[in-house]
Amino acid sequence: MRIEYVQAVLAIVRLVPPGSAVSYGDVAELLGSGGPRQVGSVMSRHGGAVPWWRVLKASGHAPEGHEAKALLLYLDEGTPLAGAYESFLRTGEGRWRVDLAAARWAPKDSEFDRIDAIADQLERRLHRLSVPDDGMAL
């Protein structure tokens, strides 16, 4: 995976505010590049330095293996949840998820300006890498 794509995904994730969430597909759509699997791959390999818990499966389930830590972060941030998260806290059992319909990030105009700048920069970098020195496209 190209470092330009990794950097762009992580830049988008940094914009998601506390208490909000997006799906892997949302991030790809905002970038206009890749898809949910590519974003998931970036997050699994490089997402530790960004608010990884704010990027979810479309079902609203936390990243596998990180449910307990993510739940504490969701509660701390006031992220809307659905299901038996109280029993999960007590016993480690119970099904819960982020209520993605209620928690989904709706960027403001100024945030869309930043998103567009990130997406444009990614497109320029990827285009530059695909054009040979003689200016002829591959």
C-alpha atoms as a PDB file:
ATOM      1  CA  MET A   1       0.000   0.000   0.000  1.00  0.00           C
ATOM      2  CA  ARG A   2       1.346   3.397  -0.944  1.00  0.00           C
ATOM      3  CA  ILE A   3       2.425   5.688   1.860  1.00  0.00           C
ATOM      4  CA  GLU A   4       0.449   8.534   0.265  1.00  0.00           C
ATOM      5  CA  TYR A   5      -2.768   6.585   0.755  1.00  0.00           C
ATOM      6  CA  VAL A   6      -1.848   5.658   4.327  1.00  0.00           C
ATOM      7  CA  GLN A   7      -1.152   9.309   5.168  1.00  0.00           C
ATOM      8  CA  ALA A   8      -4.433  10.459   3.615  1.00  0.00           C
ATOM      9  CA  VAL A   9      -6.516   7.868   5.502  1.00  0.00           C
ATOM     10  CA  LEU A  10      -4.867   8.794   8.798  1.00  0.00           C
ATOM     11  CA  ALA A  11      -5.408  12.509   8.100  1.00  0.00           C
ATOM     12  CA  ILE A  12      -9.143  11.918   7.590  1.00  0.00           C
ATOM     13  CA  VAL A  13      -9.390   9.824  10.768  1.00  0.00           C
ATOM     14  CA  ARG A  14      -7.730  12.611  12.776  1.00  0.00           C
ATOM     15  CA  LEU A  15     -10.594  14.920  11.753  1.00  0.00           C
ATOM     16  CA  VAL A  16     -13.345  12.729  13.247  1.00  0.00           C
ATOM     17  CA  PRO A  17     -14.389  14.462  16.491  1.00  0.00           C
ATOM     18  CA  PRO A  18     -14.895  12.775  19.876  1.00  0.00           C
ATOM     19  CA  GLY A  19     -18.301  11.133  20.217  1.00  0.00           C
ATOM     20  CA  SER A  20     -18.567  10.610  16.463  1.00  0.00           C
ATOM     21  CA  ALA A  21     -17.723   7.655  14.259  1.00  0.00           C
ATOM     22  CA  VAL A  22     -17.387   6.690  10.615  1.00  0.00           C
ATOM     23  CA  SER A  23     -17.263   3.394   8.779  1.00  0.00           C
ATOM     24  CA  TYR A  24     -14.271   2.207   6.781  1.00  0.00           C
ATOM     25  CA  GLY A  25     -16.355   2.839   3.667  1.00  0.00           C
ATOM     26  CA  ASP A  26     -17.130   6.395   4.784  1.00  0.00           C
ATOM     27  CA  VAL A  27     -13.408   7.173   4.951  1.00  0.00           C
ATOM     28  CA  ALA A  28     -12.851   5.754   1.451  1.00  0.00           C
ATOM     29  CA  GLU A  29     -15.802   7.751   0.137  1.00  0.00           C
ATOM     30  CA  LEU A  30     -14.541  10.973   1.713  1.00  0.00           C
ATOM     31  CA  LEU A  31     -11.140  10.391   0.083  1.00  0.00           C
ATOM     32  CA  GLY A  32     -12.648   9.379  -3.232  1.00  0.00           C
ATOM     33  CA  SER A  33     -10.138   6.549  -3.319  1.00  0.00           C
ATOM     34  CA  GLY A  34      -9.926   2.924  -2.260  1.00  0.00           C
ATOM     35  CA  GLY A  35     -12.634   1.070  -0.440  1.00  0.00           C
ATOM     36  CA  PRO A  36     -13.515  -0.301   2.998  1.00  0.00           C
ATOM     37  CA  ARG A  37     -10.937  -3.093   2.806  1.00  0.00           C
ATOM     38  CA  GLN A  38      -8.113  -0.709   1.928  1.00  0.00           C
ATOM     39  CA  VAL A  39      -9.055   1.639   4.770  1.00  0.00           C
ATOM     40  CA  GLY A  40      -9.318  -1.332   7.144  1.00  0.00           C
ATOM     41  CA  SER A  41      -5.864  -2.472   6.084  1.00  0.00           C
ATOM     42  CA  VAL A  42      -4.411   0.979   6.765  1.00  0.00           C
ATOM     43  CA  MET A  43      -6.091   1.129  10.159  1.00  0.00           C
ATOM     44  CA  SER A  44      -4.926  -2.354  11.190  1.00  0.00           C
ATOM     45  CA  ARG A  45      -1.314  -1.612  10.266  1.00  0.00           C
ATOM     46  CA  HIS A  46      -0.941   2.117  10.947  1.00  0.00           C
ATOM     47  CA  GLY A  47      -3.938   3.282  12.978  1.00  0.00           C
ATOM     48  CA  GLY A  48      -2.459   3.142  16.471  1.00  0.00           C
ATOM     49  CA  ALA A  49      -1.460   6.821  16.502  1.00  0.00           C
ATOM     50  CA  VAL A  50      -4.903   8.141  15.513  1.00  0.00           C
ATOM     51  CA  PRO A  51      -8.358   7.757  17.137  1.00  0.00           C
ATOM     52  CA  TRP A  52      -8.802   4.246  15.677  1.00  0.00           C
ATOM     53  CA  TRP A  53     -11.919   3.526  17.733  1.00  0.00           C
ATOM     54  CA  ARG A  54     -13.838   6.114  15.708  1.00  0.00           C
ATOM     55  CA  VAL A  55     -13.525   4.013  12.527  1.00  0.00           C
ATOM     56  CA  LEU A  56     -15.834   1.011  12.455  1.00  0.00           C
ATOM     57  CA  LYS A  57     -17.354  -1.699  10.376  1.00  0.00           C
ATOM     58  CA  ALA A  58     -20.571  -0.602   8.685  1.00  0.00           C
ATOM     59  CA  SER A  59     -22.432  -2.639  11.322  1.00  0.00           C
ATOM     60  CA  GLY A  60     -21.136  -0.333  14.061  1.00  0.00           C
ATOM     61  CA  HIS A  61     -19.029  -3.041  15.711  1.00  0.00           C
ATOM     62  CA  ALA A  62     -15.679  -2.070  17.180  1.00  0.00           C
ATOM     63  CA  PRO A  63     -12.461  -3.412  15.664  1.00  0.00           C
ATOM     64  CA  GLU A  64     -12.017  -7.078  16.543  1.00  0.00           C
ATOM     65  CA  GLY A  65      -9.842  -7.726  19.544  1.00  0.00           C
ATOM     66  CA  HIS A  66     -10.197  -4.132  20.746  1.00  0.00           C
ATOM     67  CA  GLU A  67     -13.823  -4.161  21.899  1.00  0.00           C
ATOM     68  CA  ALA A  68     -13.159  -3.657  25.625  1.00  0.00           C
ATOM     69  CA  LYS A  69     -10.738  -0.768  25.177  1.00  0.00           C
ATOM     70  CA  ALA A  70     -12.915   0.810  22.490  1.00  0.00           C
ATOM     71  CA  LEU A  71     -16.012   0.588  24.696  1.00  0.00           C
ATOM     72  CA  LEU A  72     -14.304   2.560  27.456  1.00  0.00           C
ATOM     73  CA  LEU A  73     -13.279   5.213  24.931  1.00  0.00           C
ATOM     74  CA  TYR A  74     -16.822   5.389  23.508  1.00  0.00           C
ATOM     75  CA  LEU A  75     -18.265   5.833  26.979  1.00  0.00           C
ATOM     76  CA  ASP A  76     -15.694   8.493  27.830  1.00  0.00           C
ATOM     77  CA  GLU A  77     -16.514  10.419  24.642  1.00  0.00           C
ATOM     78  CA  GLY A  78     -20.285   9.976  24.879  1.00  0.00           C
ATOM     79  CA  THR A  79     -20.542   8.028  21.636  1.00  0.00           C
ATOM     80  CA  PRO A  80     -24.096   6.700  21.078  1.00  0.00           C
ATOM     81  CA  LEU A  81     -24.222   2.941  21.736  1.00  0.00           C
ATOM     82  CA  ALA A  82     -26.785   0.195  21.238  1.00  0.00           C
ATOM     83  CA  GLY A  83     -27.061  -3.180  22.916  1.00  0.00           C
ATOM     84  CA  ALA A  84     -25.948  -4.722  26.191  1.00  0.00           C
ATOM     85  CA  TYR A  85     -22.770  -2.757  26.789  1.00  0.00           C
ATOM     86  CA  GLU A  86     -23.418  -2.544  30.555  1.00  0.00           C
ATOM     87  CA  SER A  87     -23.284  -6.317  30.910  1.00  0.00           C
ATOM     88  CA  PHE A  88     -20.203  -6.405  28.690  1.00  0.00           C
ATOM     89  CA  LEU A  89     -18.506  -4.033  31.128  1.00  0.00           C
ATOM     90  CA  ARG A  90     -19.422  -6.255  34.098  1.00  0.00           C
ATOM     91  CA  THR A  91     -18.892  -9.715  32.659  1.00  0.00           C
ATOM     92  CA  GLY A  92     -17.163  -9.348  29.301  1.00  0.00           C
ATOM     93  CA  GLU A  93     -20.250 -10.849  27.690  1.00  0.00           C
ATOM     94  CA  GLY A  94     -23.072  -9.204  25.821  1.00  0.00           C
ATOM     95  CA  ARG A  95     -23.484  -7.858  22.339  1.00  0.00           C
ATOM     96  CA  TRP A  96     -23.260  -4.163  21.713  1.00  0.00           C
ATOM     97  CA  ARG A  97     -22.226  -1.766  18.966  1.00  0.00           C
ATOM     98  CA  VAL A  98     -21.896   1.909  18.205  1.00  0.00           C
ATOM     99  CA  ASP A  99     -25.201   3.321  16.988  1.00  0.00           C
ATOM    100  CA  LEU A 100     -23.626   4.452  13.743  1.00  0.00           C
ATOM    101  CA  ALA A 101     -26.813   6.139  12.523  1.00  0.00           C
ATOM    102  CA  ALA A 102     -26.706   8.447  15.566  1.00  0.00           C
ATOM    103  CA  ALA A 103     -22.904   8.700  15.861  1.00  0.00           C
ATOM    104  CA  ARG A 104     -21.980   9.115  12.174  1.00  0.00           C
ATOM    105  CA  TRP A 105     -19.814  12.173  11.663  1.00  0.00           C
ATOM    106  CA  ALA A 106     -21.420  14.894   9.573  1.00  0.00           C
ATOM    107  CA  PRO A 107     -18.540  17.193   8.578  1.00  0.00           C
ATOM    108  CA  LYS A 108     -19.088  20.941   8.650  1.00  0.00           C
ATOM    109  CA  ASP A 109     -18.225  23.086   5.623  1.00  0.00           C
ATOM    110  CA  SER A 110     -14.810  23.957   7.044  1.00  0.00           C
ATOM    111  CA  GLU A 111     -14.134  20.253   7.641  1.00  0.00           C
ATOM    112  CA  PHE A 112     -15.192  19.444   4.072  1.00  0.00           C
ATOM    113  CA  ASP A 113     -12.667  22.024   2.888  1.00  0.00           C
ATOM    114  CA  ARG A 114      -9.935  20.134   4.780  1.00  0.00           C
ATOM    115  CA  ILE A 115     -11.220  16.761   3.509  1.00  0.00           C
ATOM    116  CA  ASP A 116     -11.195  18.055  -0.072  1.00  0.00           C
ATOM    117  CA  ALA A 117      -7.635  19.320   0.380  1.00  0.00           C
ATOM    118  CA  ILE A 118      -6.517  15.898   1.671  1.00  0.00           C
ATOM    119  CA  ALA A 119      -8.270  14.092  -1.202  1.00  0.00           C
ATOM    120  CA  ASP A 120      -6.853  16.503  -3.803  1.00  0.00           C
ATOM    121  CA  GLN A 121      -3.341  16.116  -2.428  1.00  0.00           C
ATOM    122  CA  LEU A 122      -3.682  12.322  -2.531  1.00  0.00           C
ATOM    123  CA  GLU A 123      -4.890  12.420  -6.130  1.00  0.00           C
ATOM    124  CA  ARG A 124      -2.000  14.698  -7.179  1.00  0.00           C
ATOM    125  CA  ARG A 125       0.583  12.499  -5.442  1.00  0.00           C
ATOM    126  CA  LEU A 126      -0.786   9.288  -6.917  1.00  0.00           C
ATOM    127  CA  HIS A 127      -1.047  10.863 -10.370  1.00  0.00           C
ATOM    128  CA  ARG A 128       2.546  12.140 -10.147  1.00  0.00           C
ATOM    129  CA  LEU A 129       3.718   8.621  -9.292  1.00  0.00           C
ATOM    130  CA  SER A 130       1.936   7.146 -12.315  1.00  0.00           C
ATOM    131  CA  VAL A 131       3.327   9.626 -14.868  1.00  0.00           C
ATOM    132  CA  PRO A 132       6.793   8.828 -16.299  1.00  0.00           C
ATOM    133  CA  ASP A 133       9.456  11.515 -16.503  1.00  0.00           C
ATOM    134  CA  ASP A 134       8.742  12.097 -20.193  1.00  0.00           C
ATOM    135  CA  GLY A 135       5.201  13.201 -19.255  1.00  0.00           C
ATOM    136  CA  MET A 136       3.488  10.270 -20.942  1.00  0.00           C
ATOM    137  CA  ALA A 137       0.967   8.387 -18.825  1.00  0.00           C
ATOM    138  CA  LEU A 138       1.545   4.704 -18.131  1.00  0.00           C
END
